[in-house]
Structures are given as structure tokens and as C-alpha cells.
């Protein structure tokens, strides 16, 4: 019974991580870097406006 709950818990964590990663890769339209403040990026990168898209650089 314990292994069942561990398996379910692991599947939930993996699903949430997958959803987070796929959502983080979406880009938003922008006109300047100020519009990219709310774009999620991993720690060492910063959101910048490049060719009308917010990208993590």
C-alpha cells in the first residue's frame, strides 16, 4: 500500500514539473524589455524583448 502512494505521489510531482516547464517556455509579445517583467525565466537568465518576443537570455 505504501508503494502505491509513493508511486502516485511521484506521478503527481512529475506531472506538475512537466506543466511548469511547458508553461515557462511560452513567450509573450512585447515592444520593450519592460513588458517582459512577468515572463518566468530560470535563475541565471533574464527576460529580454528580442524581435517582439520575450525570451530568456
N, C-alpha and C. Protein backbone atom coordinates (compact mmCIF):
# COMPACT_ATOMS: atom_id res chain seq x y z
N UNK A 1 0.83 -1.20 0.00
CA UNK A 1 0.00 0.00 0.00
C UNK A 1 0.87 1.26 0.00
N UNK A 2 1.97 1.19 0.72
CA UNK A 2 2.86 2.35 0.78
C UNK A 2 3.50 2.61 -0.58
N UNK A 3 3.86 1.57 -1.30
CA UNK A 3 4.46 1.76 -2.62
C UNK A 3 3.46 2.38 -3.59
N UNK A 4 2.20 2.06 -3.43
CA UNK A 4 1.17 2.66 -4.28
C UNK A 4 1.12 4.18 -4.06
N UNK A 5 1.11 4.61 -2.81
CA UNK A 5 1.05 6.04 -2.51
C UNK A 5 2.32 6.75 -2.97
N UNK A 6 3.47 6.10 -2.83
CA UNK A 6 4.71 6.69 -3.31
C UNK A 6 4.67 6.85 -4.83
N UNK A 7 4.12 5.88 -5.51
CA UNK A 7 4.02 5.94 -6.97
C UNK A 7 3.10 7.07 -7.40
N UNK A 8 1.96 7.20 -6.74
CA UNK A 8 1.01 8.26 -7.07
C UNK A 8 1.64 9.63 -6.77
N UNK A 9 2.30 9.75 -5.65
CA UNK A 9 2.96 11.00 -5.27
C UNK A 9 4.03 11.37 -6.31
N UNK A 10 4.81 10.41 -6.74
CA UNK A 10 5.84 10.64 -7.75
C UNK A 10 5.23 11.08 -9.07
N UNK A 11 4.15 10.44 -9.47
CA UNK A 11 3.49 10.81 -10.73
C UNK A 11 2.94 12.24 -10.67
N UNK A 12 2.39 12.63 -9.54
CA UNK A 12 1.86 13.99 -9.38
C UNK A 12 2.99 15.01 -9.49
N UNK A 13 4.11 14.74 -8.83
CA UNK A 13 5.24 15.66 -8.88
C UNK A 13 5.77 15.78 -10.31
N UNK A 14 5.91 14.66 -11.00
CA UNK A 14 6.40 14.70 -12.38
C UNK A 14 5.44 15.45 -13.29
N UNK A 15 4.16 15.25 -13.10
CA UNK A 15 3.16 15.97 -13.90
C UNK A 15 3.24 17.47 -13.65
N UNK A 16 3.35 17.87 -12.40
CA UNK A 16 3.44 19.30 -12.09
C UNK A 16 4.71 19.92 -12.65
N UNK A 17 5.83 19.20 -12.58
CA UNK A 17 7.07 19.70 -13.16
C UNK A 17 6.95 19.86 -14.67
N UNK A 18 6.33 18.90 -15.32
CA UNK A 18 6.13 18.97 -16.76
C UNK A 18 5.27 20.18 -17.12
N UNK A 19 4.19 20.41 -16.39
CA UNK A 19 3.32 21.55 -16.67
C UNK A 19 4.04 22.87 -16.43
N UNK A 20 4.88 22.92 -15.41
CA UNK A 20 5.64 24.14 -15.13
C UNK A 20 6.62 24.43 -16.26
N UNK A 21 7.32 23.42 -16.72
CA UNK A 21 8.32 23.61 -17.77
C UNK A 21 7.67 24.01 -19.08
N UNK A 22 6.55 23.41 -19.43
CA UNK A 22 5.90 23.76 -20.69
C UNK A 22 5.32 25.16 -20.63
N UNK A 23 4.85 25.59 -19.48
CA UNK A 23 4.31 26.94 -19.34
C UNK A 23 5.44 27.97 -19.35
N UNK A 24 6.59 27.64 -18.83
CA UNK A 24 7.71 28.57 -18.78
C UNK A 24 8.29 28.84 -20.15
N UNK A 25 8.08 27.95 -21.09
CA UNK A 25 8.66 28.14 -22.41
C UNK A 25 7.81 29.03 -23.31
N UNK A 26 6.62 29.40 -22.88
CA UNK A 26 5.77 30.27 -23.70
C UNK A 26 6.36 31.68 -23.71
N UNK A 27 6.27 32.32 -24.83
CA UNK A 27 6.77 33.68 -24.94
C UNK A 27 5.59 34.64 -25.11
N UNK A 28 5.81 35.88 -24.72
CA UNK A 28 4.77 36.90 -24.83
C UNK A 28 5.24 37.98 -25.80
N UNK A 29 4.31 38.60 -26.48
CA UNK A 29 4.65 39.70 -27.38
C UNK A 29 5.04 40.91 -26.55
N UNK A 30 5.99 41.68 -27.06
CA UNK A 30 6.47 42.84 -26.31
C UNK A 30 6.90 43.93 -27.29
N UNK A 31 7.02 45.13 -26.74
CA UNK A 31 7.55 46.25 -27.51
C UNK A 31 8.86 46.74 -26.90
N UNK A 32 9.06 46.44 -25.61
CA UNK A 32 10.32 46.78 -24.94
C UNK A 32 10.55 45.76 -23.83
N UNK A 33 11.72 45.81 -23.24
CA UNK A 33 12.09 44.87 -22.19
C UNK A 33 11.20 45.05 -20.95
N UNK A 34 10.64 46.21 -20.77
CA UNK A 34 9.76 46.47 -19.62
C UNK A 34 8.54 45.55 -19.65
N UNK A 35 8.07 45.20 -20.85
CA UNK A 35 6.91 44.32 -20.98
C UNK A 35 7.22 42.88 -20.56
N UNK A 36 8.46 42.53 -20.42
CA UNK A 36 8.85 41.14 -20.14
C UNK A 36 9.10 40.88 -18.65
N UNK A 37 8.71 41.78 -17.79
CA UNK A 37 8.97 41.64 -16.36
C UNK A 37 8.32 40.38 -15.80
N UNK A 38 7.13 40.03 -16.26
CA UNK A 38 6.39 38.90 -15.71
C UNK A 38 6.67 37.59 -16.43
N UNK A 39 7.63 37.57 -17.34
CA UNK A 39 7.98 36.34 -18.04
C UNK A 39 8.86 35.49 -17.13
N UNK A 40 8.46 34.24 -16.84
CA UNK A 40 9.27 33.40 -15.95
C UNK A 40 10.52 32.88 -16.65
N UNK A 41 11.67 33.06 -16.00
CA UNK A 41 12.94 32.55 -16.52
C UNK A 41 13.67 31.82 -15.41
N UNK A 42 14.52 30.89 -15.79
CA UNK A 42 15.33 30.19 -14.81
C UNK A 42 16.34 31.17 -14.22
N UNK A 43 16.92 30.83 -13.10
CA UNK A 43 17.70 31.74 -12.27
C UNK A 43 18.79 32.55 -12.96
N UNK A 44 19.72 31.98 -13.71
CA UNK A 44 20.79 32.86 -14.24
C UNK A 44 20.37 33.71 -15.44
N UNK A 45 19.20 33.45 -16.02
CA UNK A 45 18.79 34.20 -17.21
C UNK A 45 17.82 35.31 -16.86
N UNK A 46 17.73 36.28 -17.76
CA UNK A 46 16.82 37.42 -17.57
C UNK A 46 15.90 37.53 -18.79
N UNK A 47 14.66 37.96 -18.58
CA UNK A 47 13.76 38.15 -19.73
C UNK A 47 14.09 39.44 -20.48
N UNK A 48 14.24 39.31 -21.78
CA UNK A 48 14.51 40.46 -22.63
C UNK A 48 13.58 40.42 -23.84
N UNK A 49 13.33 41.59 -24.40
CA UNK A 49 12.50 41.68 -25.60
C UNK A 49 13.41 41.61 -26.82
N UNK A 50 13.25 40.53 -27.61
CA UNK A 50 14.05 40.33 -28.81
C UNK A 50 13.10 40.05 -29.96
N UNK A 51 13.08 40.92 -30.95
CA UNK A 51 12.23 40.79 -32.13
C UNK A 51 10.76 40.57 -31.75
N UNK A 52 10.25 41.41 -30.88
CA UNK A 52 8.85 41.40 -30.43
C UNK A 52 8.44 40.15 -29.67
N UNK A 53 9.39 39.44 -29.07
CA UNK A 53 9.08 38.29 -28.22
C UNK A 53 9.93 38.35 -26.97
N UNK A 54 9.32 37.98 -25.83
CA UNK A 54 10.06 37.90 -24.58
C UNK A 54 10.81 36.57 -24.56
N UNK A 55 12.13 36.66 -24.44
CA UNK A 55 12.95 35.45 -24.39
C UNK A 55 13.87 35.53 -23.18
N UNK A 56 14.25 34.38 -22.67
CA UNK A 56 15.17 34.31 -21.54
C UNK A 56 16.60 34.25 -22.07
N UNK A 57 17.40 35.25 -21.71
CA UNK A 57 18.78 35.32 -22.20
C UNK A 57 19.71 35.35 -21.01
